[in-house]
Amino acid sequence: MTQILRPQPGILDIELYEGGASRLPGQSNVLKLSSNENLFGPSEAAVEAFRRAATELHRYPSSDHLDLREAIGDVHGVDPARIICGAGSGEIIDFLCQAYAGPGDEVIHTEHGFSMYRIWTLAAGATPVSVAECDRVTDVDAILNAVTDNTRLVFIANPNNPTGTMIGTDALARLADGLPGHCLLVLDGAYAEYVEGYDAGLALIEARPNVVMTRTFSKIYGLGGLRIGWGYGPQEVIDVLRRIRGPFNLSSAALMAAEAAVRDIAHTERCREVNSRWRHWLAEALASHGVPSDTSMANYVLARFADRAEAEACDAFLKENGIIVRGVAGYNLPNCLRITVGDEAACRRVAHTIGQFKAAQQ
C-alpha cells in the first residue's frame, strides 16, 4: 500500500515570503527602496568589529551571547539575564510561536501587520486570527474583542510595518491589562529606534508578567545582512525560549558587529535624526503631488493612491526609472506603495519621479 508523506497541518497553507526586489533587468543606476534598509549602512565601529572577526572564523561562536547581552543591557538599561538573541528578531518570534502556540491555539495579529506572524503561526500548527485596524492604525478594542479562551499570543508591531503608524504607551498598557493570563503580548520593536524617546515597551515589561519585546539590528543599525536581533521579557518566558534556541544560532561576526553597533550611540542618533528629517520631507513632497500618507514613525512612508490600478502603474513607472519600492497588496493595501526613506538624493529622486507620473496622468 502506497503511503503519502505529508507535512504537519498548517504548513501547506503558508505562502512563500517574498522579500523586496533588488534588481531591474537592463537598469544600472538602481535605487532600492523596497526593504526598509538603512541606506547609510552600519557604523564604522561595527564594520571594524566584523573585520576583526575574520581572524577567528575557525572558532565556534559564543553560545551564551554574554558580551552582546551585556552591551544591550548597558545601552538600554535592562537585565542581560532576561535577553535572548536570535537570527534577527524573526527567530525570536518563531521561538515564541513554537513555545506557546500549537494545534487548537489562536494567535492574533492586525490586518496590515507583518506577514511573517501568520507564517510562523501556521508553522507551529496554530490558527492565525487577523484583526481589523482603524484607518491603518492598531485598534486595541478590536484586538481585545477578538481574544478567546484559545488565544495564546498577540503580535503588535509598533511602529507597524508596512503602515509606519503606531499607538502610544497608554494604549499599549490598556491592551496588556485587558489580556487574560493565558495570553502573551508581543511588542515587535523592529523600528523602535526611529522614534525619539520611545522605550519600545520596556516599562510595560518591567511592570507586567505578560509582555515580551523583540528588537532587531537589521534596520537602524544597518546589519540586515548579518541576521541578528534580540528579545526581552519576563525571566520565565526567556528561559522557555532558551530551551529551543540552538546553541550556535549566531555567528561570531554577527555578535561582534552587533555589540559594536549598539554601543555606537552617536551613529544611531545621527541615523534617527537624518531619517526623521527626510521622512517628513518625502511625505510632504508626495502630498504636494496628490499622494497622501499616514504619519510614519519608521524609516518608510506608505504612499496611498486612488486605487490598485494607479498604485501598480506608478510602481511600473518607478521601475522604468530605476527605482524599486514595495507593493503591499499582500498586506491588504492594494492601493499603496511602501517607500523606504533614503538620503537626500534618494528622496528627491523618488519625489521627482512620482511627480512626473502624476503629471502624465493629467
Protein backbone atom coordinates (compact mmCIF):
# COMPACT_ATOMS: atom_id res chain seq x y z
CA MET A 1 0.00 0.00 0.00
CA THR A 2 1.44 3.36 -1.09
CA GLN A 3 1.65 5.95 1.65
CA ILE A 4 1.87 9.66 1.04
CA LEU A 5 4.36 11.72 3.03
CA ARG A 6 2.59 14.82 4.34
CA PRO A 7 3.91 17.80 6.32
CA GLN A 8 2.39 18.92 9.59
CA PRO A 9 -1.04 20.62 9.45
CA GLY A 10 -0.79 24.28 8.50
CA ILE A 11 2.46 24.04 6.55
CA LEU A 12 0.83 23.82 3.11
CA ASP A 13 -1.30 26.88 3.95
CA ILE A 14 1.85 29.01 4.05
CA GLU A 15 2.57 31.19 1.04
CA LEU A 16 6.27 31.69 0.41
CA TYR A 17 7.59 35.01 1.70
CA GLU A 18 8.86 37.35 -0.99
CA GLY A 19 11.48 39.85 0.03
CA GLY A 20 11.92 43.26 -1.55
CA ALA A 21 13.29 43.15 -5.09
CA SER A 22 16.85 44.39 -5.59
CA ARG A 23 17.47 44.18 -9.36
CA LEU A 24 15.89 45.57 -12.52
CA PRO A 25 16.80 43.98 -15.87
CA GLY A 26 18.63 46.43 -18.10
CA GLN A 27 19.00 49.04 -15.34
CA SER A 28 22.37 50.04 -13.92
CA ASN A 29 21.61 53.00 -11.62
CA VAL A 30 19.08 51.14 -9.47
CA LEU A 31 17.78 52.74 -6.28
CA LYS A 32 16.48 50.03 -3.94
CA LEU A 33 13.87 51.34 -1.53
CA SER A 34 11.90 48.15 -1.04
CA SER A 35 13.29 46.56 2.13
CA ASN A 36 13.50 49.38 4.73
CA GLU A 37 17.26 49.09 4.89
CA ASN A 38 19.39 51.84 6.39
CA LEU A 39 20.91 53.40 3.28
CA PHE A 40 23.65 54.94 5.45
CA GLY A 41 24.84 51.47 6.39
CA PRO A 42 26.33 50.28 9.69
CA SER A 43 28.64 52.31 11.88
CA GLU A 44 32.36 52.22 11.23
CA ALA A 45 32.78 50.59 14.63
CA ALA A 46 30.53 47.70 13.54
CA VAL A 47 32.40 47.32 10.26
CA GLU A 48 35.74 47.20 12.05
CA ALA A 49 34.41 44.62 14.51
CA PHE A 50 33.28 42.49 11.58
CA ARG A 51 36.77 42.70 10.08
CA ARG A 52 38.34 41.57 13.35
CA ALA A 53 36.01 38.58 13.44
CA ALA A 54 37.59 37.31 10.22
CA THR A 55 40.66 36.19 12.16
CA GLU A 56 38.56 33.82 14.29
CA LEU A 57 36.50 32.06 11.64
CA HIS A 58 37.82 28.65 12.70
CA ARG A 59 36.37 29.10 16.20
CA TYR A 60 32.81 28.30 17.24
CA PRO A 61 30.88 31.37 18.33
CA SER A 62 29.76 32.09 21.86
CA SER A 63 26.77 30.01 22.84
CA ASP A 64 25.56 32.33 25.60
CA HIS A 65 25.96 35.64 23.72
CA LEU A 66 27.01 37.21 27.02
CA ASP A 67 29.10 40.09 25.63
CA LEU A 68 26.27 41.24 23.36
CA ARG A 69 23.62 40.80 26.05
CA GLU A 70 25.68 42.89 28.46
CA ALA A 71 26.17 45.60 25.83
CA ILE A 72 22.42 45.71 25.16
CA GLY A 73 21.82 45.82 28.91
CA ASP A 74 24.22 48.75 29.33
CA VAL A 75 22.71 50.80 26.50
CA HIS A 76 19.04 50.11 27.20
CA GLY A 77 19.17 49.76 30.97
CA VAL A 78 17.81 46.20 31.05
CA ASP A 79 18.80 42.97 32.76
CA PRO A 80 21.12 40.94 30.47
CA ALA A 81 19.82 37.72 32.04
CA ARG A 82 16.40 38.45 30.55
CA ILE A 83 17.71 38.97 27.00
CA ILE A 84 17.71 36.30 24.29
CA CYS A 85 19.48 36.77 20.96
CA GLY A 86 18.43 35.30 17.65
CA ALA A 87 18.89 35.38 13.89
CA GLY A 88 17.03 38.65 13.50
CA SER A 89 14.01 39.42 15.65
CA GLY A 90 12.21 36.97 13.38
CA GLU A 91 13.82 33.98 15.04
CA ILE A 92 12.65 35.23 18.44
CA ILE A 93 9.10 35.49 17.10
CA ASP A 94 9.43 31.99 15.69
CA PHE A 95 10.59 30.74 19.11
CA LEU A 96 7.53 32.33 20.73
CA CYS A 97 5.20 30.55 18.33
CA GLN A 98 6.99 27.24 18.82
CA ALA A 99 6.89 27.57 22.60
CA TYR A 100 3.43 28.98 23.21
CA ALA A 101 1.20 28.13 20.24
CA GLY A 102 0.13 24.84 18.70
CA PRO A 103 -2.86 22.94 17.34
CA GLY A 104 -6.09 24.35 18.77
CA ASP A 105 -4.44 27.64 19.80
CA GLU A 106 -5.02 31.06 18.23
CA VAL A 107 -2.53 33.85 17.52
CA ILE A 108 -3.76 37.38 16.89
CA HIS A 109 -2.17 39.87 14.50
CA THR A 110 -3.56 43.01 12.89
CA GLU A 111 -4.80 43.04 9.31
CA HIS A 112 -1.87 45.09 7.99
CA GLY A 113 0.73 43.61 10.35
CA PHE A 114 3.99 41.93 9.37
CA SER A 115 3.15 38.95 7.15
CA MET A 116 5.56 36.60 8.95
CA TYR A 117 3.32 36.49 12.05
CA ARG A 118 0.83 34.41 10.09
CA ILE A 119 3.54 32.20 8.60
CA TRP A 120 5.18 31.34 11.93
CA THR A 121 1.76 30.73 13.48
CA LEU A 122 0.85 28.24 10.77
CA ALA A 123 4.26 26.59 11.03
CA ALA A 124 3.54 25.94 14.72
CA GLY A 125 0.21 24.35 13.81
CA ALA A 126 -1.81 27.17 15.40
CA THR A 127 -4.56 29.32 13.88
CA PRO A 128 -3.79 32.93 12.86
CA VAL A 129 -6.52 35.46 13.61
CA SER A 130 -6.45 38.73 11.67
CA VAL A 131 -7.99 41.73 13.46
CA ALA A 132 -9.12 44.90 11.69
CA GLU A 133 -7.19 48.13 12.14
CA CYS A 134 -8.77 51.58 12.29
CA ASP A 135 -7.57 53.68 9.34
CA ARG A 136 -4.34 51.65 9.25
CA VAL A 137 -3.71 52.08 12.99
CA THR A 138 -3.76 49.28 15.58
CA ASP A 139 -7.20 49.09 17.23
CA VAL A 140 -6.87 47.98 20.86
CA ASP A 141 -10.60 47.39 21.34
CA ALA A 142 -10.81 45.24 18.21
CA ILE A 143 -7.95 43.08 19.50
CA LEU A 144 -9.46 42.67 22.95
CA ASN A 145 -12.80 41.73 21.39
CA ALA A 146 -11.07 39.04 19.31
CA VAL A 147 -9.45 37.32 22.29
CA THR A 148 -10.88 33.91 23.16
CA ASP A 149 -10.05 31.11 25.57
CA ASN A 150 -7.79 29.75 22.80
CA THR A 151 -5.73 32.91 22.29
CA ARG A 152 -2.10 32.45 23.28
CA LEU A 153 -0.17 35.26 21.55
CA VAL A 154 -0.94 38.77 20.33
CA PHE A 155 1.58 40.33 17.94
CA ILE A 156 1.77 44.12 17.64
CA ALA A 157 4.40 45.86 15.52
CA ASN A 158 4.83 49.36 16.93
CA PRO A 159 5.61 51.24 14.71
CA ASN A 160 3.74 48.96 12.36
CA ASN A 161 5.08 47.54 9.12
CA PRO A 162 4.09 48.48 6.41
CA THR A 163 1.94 51.40 7.61
CA GLY A 164 4.51 53.22 9.77
CA THR A 165 1.77 54.13 12.26
CA MET A 166 1.96 53.46 15.99
CA ILE A 167 -0.07 53.65 19.18
CA GLY A 168 1.04 55.27 22.41
CA THR A 169 2.17 53.71 25.68
CA ASP A 170 -1.22 54.27 27.35
CA ALA A 171 -2.94 52.26 24.63
CA LEU A 172 -0.32 49.52 24.89
CA ALA A 173 -0.81 49.37 28.65
CA ARG A 174 -4.59 49.11 28.21
CA LEU A 175 -4.06 46.25 25.80
CA ALA A 176 -1.69 44.41 28.13
CA ASP A 177 -4.02 44.89 31.11
CA GLY A 178 -7.02 43.70 29.11
CA LEU A 179 -5.49 40.38 28.07
CA PRO A 180 -6.24 37.23 30.12
CA GLY A 181 -3.47 35.44 31.96
CA HIS A 182 -3.11 32.73 29.33
CA CYS A 183 -2.21 35.27 26.64
CA LEU A 184 1.19 36.85 25.93
CA LEU A 185 1.52 40.29 24.29
CA VAL A 186 4.48 40.50 21.91
CA LEU A 187 5.66 44.01 21.00
CA ASP A 188 7.65 43.92 17.78
CA GLY A 189 10.02 46.88 18.01
CA ALA A 190 11.92 46.44 14.74
CA TYR A 191 11.59 50.17 14.08
CA ALA A 192 11.51 51.42 17.68
CA GLU A 193 14.89 53.17 17.41
CA TYR A 194 13.45 55.56 14.84
CA VAL A 195 11.07 57.01 17.46
CA GLU A 196 12.69 59.59 19.70
CA GLY A 197 12.10 58.83 23.39
CA TYR A 198 10.17 55.57 22.82
CA ASP A 199 11.17 52.71 25.12
CA ALA A 200 9.53 50.07 22.85
CA GLY A 201 7.54 48.71 25.79
CA LEU A 202 10.31 48.28 28.36
CA ALA A 203 8.29 49.90 31.14
CA LEU A 204 5.36 47.59 30.39
CA ILE A 205 7.58 44.53 30.56
CA GLU A 206 9.03 45.55 33.92
CA ALA A 207 5.56 46.07 35.40
CA ARG A 208 3.67 43.12 33.91
CA PRO A 209 4.22 39.37 33.53
CA ASN A 210 2.56 39.03 30.10
CA VAL A 211 4.59 41.31 27.80
CA VAL A 212 7.61 40.46 25.64
CA MET A 213 9.56 42.73 23.30
CA THR A 214 11.53 41.88 20.15
CA ARG A 215 14.17 44.10 18.54
CA THR A 216 16.46 43.87 15.52
CA PHE A 217 19.86 45.03 14.29
CA SER A 218 18.63 44.90 10.68
CA LYS A 219 17.10 48.38 10.47
CA ILE A 220 18.65 51.46 12.06
CA TYR A 221 21.88 49.57 12.88
CA GLY A 222 22.31 48.57 9.22
CA LEU A 223 23.16 44.90 9.88
CA GLY A 224 20.42 43.22 7.86
CA GLY A 225 22.98 41.04 6.08
CA LEU A 226 24.16 39.52 9.37
CA ARG A 227 20.72 38.44 10.64
CA ILE A 228 20.78 39.31 14.32
CA GLY A 229 18.18 40.51 16.80
CA TRP A 230 17.12 40.15 20.41
CA GLY A 231 14.18 39.78 22.72
CA TYR A 232 13.44 40.87 26.29
CA GLY A 233 10.76 39.77 28.68
CA PRO A 234 9.89 38.04 31.94
CA GLN A 235 12.60 35.66 33.09
CA GLU A 236 10.33 32.61 32.92
CA VAL A 237 9.44 33.35 29.28
CA ILE A 238 13.06 33.92 28.24
CA ASP A 239 14.10 30.70 29.98
CA VAL A 240 11.49 28.82 27.95
CA LEU A 241 12.75 30.31 24.68
CA ARG A 242 16.33 29.38 25.53
CA ARG A 243 15.31 25.73 25.68
CA ILE A 244 14.54 25.71 21.96
CA ARG A 245 17.29 28.07 20.78
CA GLY A 246 20.16 26.34 19.02
CA PRO A 247 23.45 26.70 20.93
CA PHE A 248 25.27 28.31 17.97
CA ASN A 249 22.46 30.16 16.22
CA LEU A 250 24.56 33.31 15.71
CA SER A 251 27.98 33.73 14.11
CA SER A 252 30.92 35.37 15.87
CA ALA A 253 30.98 38.05 13.19
CA ALA A 254 27.32 38.93 13.80
CA LEU A 255 27.78 39.01 17.57
CA MET A 256 30.86 41.23 17.42
CA ALA A 257 29.37 43.64 14.87
CA ALA A 258 26.11 43.93 16.81
CA GLU A 259 27.94 44.65 20.07
CA ALA A 260 29.89 47.46 18.41
CA ALA A 261 26.76 48.77 16.70
CA VAL A 262 24.62 49.01 19.83
CA ARG A 263 27.41 50.84 21.67
CA ASP A 264 27.88 53.38 18.87
CA ILE A 265 25.08 55.60 20.14
CA ALA A 266 26.24 58.61 18.12
CA HIS A 267 25.76 56.73 14.83
CA THR A 268 22.28 55.57 15.88
CA GLU A 269 21.22 59.08 16.86
CA ARG A 270 22.59 60.51 13.62
CA CYS A 271 20.65 57.96 11.54
CA ARG A 272 17.47 58.70 13.51
CA GLU A 273 17.79 62.45 13.01
CA VAL A 274 18.50 62.25 9.28
CA ASN A 275 15.71 59.74 8.75
CA SER A 276 13.20 61.92 10.63
CA ARG A 277 14.11 64.97 8.58
CA TRP A 278 13.86 63.31 5.17
CA ARG A 279 10.85 61.20 6.10
CA HIS A 280 8.95 64.40 6.80
CA TRP A 281 10.26 65.99 3.61
CA LEU A 282 9.31 62.99 1.48
CA ALA A 283 5.80 62.78 2.92
CA GLU A 284 5.25 66.48 2.26
CA ALA A 285 6.65 66.24 -1.26
CA LEU A 286 4.44 63.29 -2.15
CA ALA A 287 1.40 65.03 -0.67
CA SER A 288 2.09 68.04 -2.90
CA HIS A 289 1.77 65.68 -5.87
CA GLY A 290 -1.56 64.36 -4.62
CA VAL A 291 -0.16 61.23 -2.95
CA PRO A 292 -1.03 61.21 0.78
CA SER A 293 0.41 59.05 3.53
CA ASP A 294 -0.24 58.49 7.21
CA THR A 295 2.18 59.94 9.75
CA SER A 296 5.02 57.42 9.76
CA MET A 297 7.28 56.84 12.74
CA ALA A 298 9.59 54.40 10.96
CA ASN A 299 12.06 54.64 8.05
CA TYR A 300 9.46 54.43 5.30
CA VAL A 301 6.25 56.08 4.17
CA LEU A 302 3.15 54.30 2.90
CA ALA A 303 2.11 56.22 -0.20
CA ARG A 304 -1.63 55.95 -0.96
CA PHE A 305 -3.05 56.13 -4.47
CA ALA A 306 -6.59 56.37 -5.78
CA ASP A 307 -6.86 52.63 -6.42
CA ARG A 308 -4.88 49.49 -7.13
CA ALA A 309 -4.52 50.29 -10.82
CA GLU A 310 -2.88 53.65 -10.12
CA ALA A 311 -0.55 52.15 -7.50
CA GLU A 312 0.56 49.42 -9.89
CA ALA A 313 1.02 51.91 -12.72
CA CYS A 314 3.17 54.15 -10.50
CA ASP A 315 5.18 51.11 -9.37
CA ALA A 316 5.85 50.22 -13.01
CA PHE A 317 6.81 53.84 -13.82
CA LEU A 318 9.25 53.92 -10.90
CA LYS A 319 10.84 50.68 -12.10
CA GLU A 320 11.22 52.13 -15.60
CA ASN A 321 13.19 54.91 -13.96
CA GLY A 322 15.38 52.58 -11.92
CA ILE A 323 13.57 52.86 -8.58
CA ILE A 324 12.36 49.83 -6.65
CA VAL A 325 9.71 50.31 -3.95
CA ARG A 326 7.40 47.74 -2.33
CA GLY A 327 3.89 46.94 -3.46
CA VAL A 328 1.85 45.87 -0.44
CA ALA A 329 -1.25 44.27 -1.90
CA GLY A 330 -0.31 41.18 0.11
CA TYR A 331 -0.82 43.27 3.25
CA ASN A 332 -4.40 44.10 2.19
CA LEU A 333 -3.24 47.50 0.95
CA PRO A 334 -3.53 47.15 -2.83
CA ASN A 335 -3.68 50.91 -3.44
CA CYS A 336 -0.43 51.62 -1.60
CA LEU A 337 3.33 51.54 -2.13
CA ARG A 338 5.80 51.38 0.75
CA ILE A 339 8.82 53.59 0.12
CA THR A 340 11.96 53.39 2.24
CA VAL A 341 13.35 56.76 3.31
CA GLY A 342 16.83 57.23 1.91
CA ASP A 343 19.27 60.11 1.87
CA GLU A 344 18.53 63.50 0.31
CA ALA A 345 19.37 62.38 -3.23
CA ALA A 346 17.18 59.29 -2.95
CA CYS A 347 14.20 61.17 -1.54
CA ARG A 348 14.41 63.90 -4.16
CA ARG A 349 14.69 61.32 -6.94
CA VAL A 350 11.60 59.45 -5.73
CA ALA A 351 9.52 62.58 -5.27
CA HIS A 352 10.52 63.92 -8.69
CA THR A 353 9.70 60.64 -10.43
CA ILE A 354 6.30 60.28 -8.76
CA GLY A 355 5.62 63.91 -9.64
CA GLN A 356 6.34 63.08 -13.28
CA PHE A 357 4.00 60.08 -13.07
CA LYS A 358 1.15 62.15 -11.64
CA ALA A 359 1.67 64.95 -14.17
CA ALA A 360 1.49 62.47 -17.05
CA GLN A 361 -1.90 61.30 -15.80
CA GLN A 362 -3.46 64.74 -16.01
